[in-house]
Amino acid sequence: MDGFLNLLQGKNSDAKLASEIQMAVDRAKEHKEWRTEYMTLALKLAEERAEGKAEGKTEGQNLLVEAVKLLREGKTEDDLKKAGIDERTVQLALLIRA
């Protein structure tokens, strides 16, 4: 078990199981088809992460616009918080409204 844990920590191990696992990992790294699939997956994940960040930014901007609108309509800071608008957005909206 110690050999396996050492392997997971990136340390060398003389344990038979750890050696077998390391050999399997090395073979997998050299398998061109698997490497291509991994790189394709990694690229897709990076694209999806970028899309998620862009969507989150847009949602945050829309929420800020809504918060400023509500403040200009006479809603209070507490009203915004009760409506589920986070503290940071409320504070930014208060600065923008002023």
Protein backbone atom coordinates (compact mmCIF):
# COMPACT_ATOMS: atom_id res chain seq x y z
CA MET A 1 0.00 0.00 0.00
CA ASP A 2 2.86 2.39 0.78
CA GLY A 3 4.26 1.78 -2.69
CA PHE A 4 0.96 2.74 -4.28
CA LEU A 5 0.69 5.89 -2.15
CA ASN A 6 4.24 6.82 -3.10
CA LEU A 7 3.29 6.38 -6.75
CA LEU A 8 0.32 8.70 -6.33
CA GLN A 9 2.61 11.30 -4.77
CA GLY A 10 4.98 11.10 -7.75
CA LYS A 11 7.65 9.22 -5.83
CA ASN A 12 9.44 6.11 -7.05
CA SER A 13 8.32 2.83 -5.62
CA ASP A 14 9.71 -0.68 -5.66
CA ALA A 15 6.35 -2.30 -4.89
CA LYS A 16 5.13 -4.73 -7.55
CA LEU A 17 1.62 -3.23 -7.79
CA ALA A 18 3.02 0.28 -8.09
CA SER A 19 5.41 -0.86 -10.83
CA GLU A 20 2.59 -2.52 -12.76
CA ILE A 21 0.43 0.59 -12.47
CA GLN A 22 3.31 2.81 -13.58
CA MET A 23 3.96 0.60 -16.61
CA ALA A 24 0.25 0.75 -17.55
CA VAL A 25 0.30 4.54 -17.23
CA ASP A 26 3.42 4.75 -19.38
CA ARG A 27 1.82 2.53 -22.06
CA ALA A 28 -1.33 4.66 -22.00
CA LYS A 29 0.70 7.85 -22.45
CA GLU A 30 2.37 6.37 -25.54
CA HIS A 31 -0.87 5.13 -27.12
CA LYS A 32 -1.43 7.63 -29.96
CA GLU A 33 -5.18 7.13 -30.23
CA TRP A 34 -5.70 7.63 -26.50
CA ARG A 35 -3.43 10.65 -26.53
CA THR A 36 -5.48 12.16 -29.37
CA GLU A 37 -8.71 11.45 -27.49
CA TYR A 38 -7.27 13.00 -24.34
CA MET A 39 -6.11 16.11 -26.17
CA THR A 40 -9.51 16.43 -27.87
CA LEU A 41 -11.24 16.12 -24.51
CA ALA A 42 -8.86 18.63 -22.92
CA LEU A 43 -9.52 21.10 -25.75
CA LYS A 44 -13.28 20.64 -25.45
CA LEU A 45 -13.12 21.17 -21.68
CA ALA A 46 -11.10 24.36 -22.18
CA GLU A 47 -13.64 25.63 -24.70
CA GLU A 48 -16.54 24.82 -22.38
CA ARG A 49 -14.75 26.52 -19.49
CA ALA A 50 -14.29 29.66 -21.61
CA GLU A 51 -17.96 29.57 -22.63
CA GLY A 52 -18.98 29.19 -18.99
CA LYS A 53 -16.86 32.16 -17.98
CA ALA A 54 -18.40 34.28 -20.74
CA GLU A 55 -21.91 33.21 -19.72
CA GLY A 56 -21.15 33.95 -16.09
CA LYS A 57 -19.82 37.39 -16.98
CA THR A 58 -22.94 38.17 -19.00
CA GLU A 59 -25.20 36.95 -16.20
CA GLY A 60 -23.28 39.05 -13.69
CA GLN A 61 -23.59 42.15 -15.86
CA ASN A 62 -27.31 41.56 -16.33
CA LEU A 63 -27.77 41.13 -12.59
CA LEU A 64 -25.88 44.37 -11.93
CA VAL A 65 -28.06 46.26 -14.43
CA GLU A 66 -31.16 44.84 -12.76
CA ALA A 67 -29.89 45.81 -9.30
CA VAL A 68 -29.20 49.40 -10.41
CA LYS A 69 -32.67 49.56 -11.99
CA LEU A 70 -34.29 48.35 -8.77
CA LEU A 71 -32.36 50.90 -6.70
CA ARG A 72 -33.43 53.69 -9.04
CA GLU A 73 -37.02 52.51 -8.61
CA GLY A 74 -36.67 53.07 -4.87
CA LYS A 75 -35.84 49.57 -3.67
CA THR A 76 -33.50 49.35 -0.71
CA GLU A 77 -30.27 47.45 -0.21
CA ASP A 78 -32.18 44.95 1.94
CA ASP A 79 -34.81 44.53 -0.81
CA LEU A 80 -32.09 43.57 -3.25
CA LYS A 81 -30.54 41.09 -0.82
CA LYS A 82 -33.95 39.54 -0.14
CA ALA A 83 -34.37 39.19 -3.91
CA GLY A 84 -31.24 37.01 -3.93
CA ILE A 85 -28.76 39.54 -5.25
CA ASP A 86 -25.34 38.93 -3.73
CA GLU A 87 -23.60 41.48 -1.50
CA ARG A 88 -20.88 42.36 -4.02
CA THR A 89 -23.41 43.11 -6.75
CA VAL A 90 -25.51 45.18 -4.35
CA GLN A 91 -22.46 47.23 -3.36
CA LEU A 92 -21.47 47.80 -7.00
CA ALA A 93 -25.04 48.81 -7.83
CA LEU A 94 -25.03 51.31 -4.97
CA LEU A 95 -21.82 52.86 -6.34
CA ILE A 96 -23.18 53.04 -9.87
CA ARG A 97 -26.50 54.47 -8.80
CA ALA A 98 -24.82 57.26 -6.85
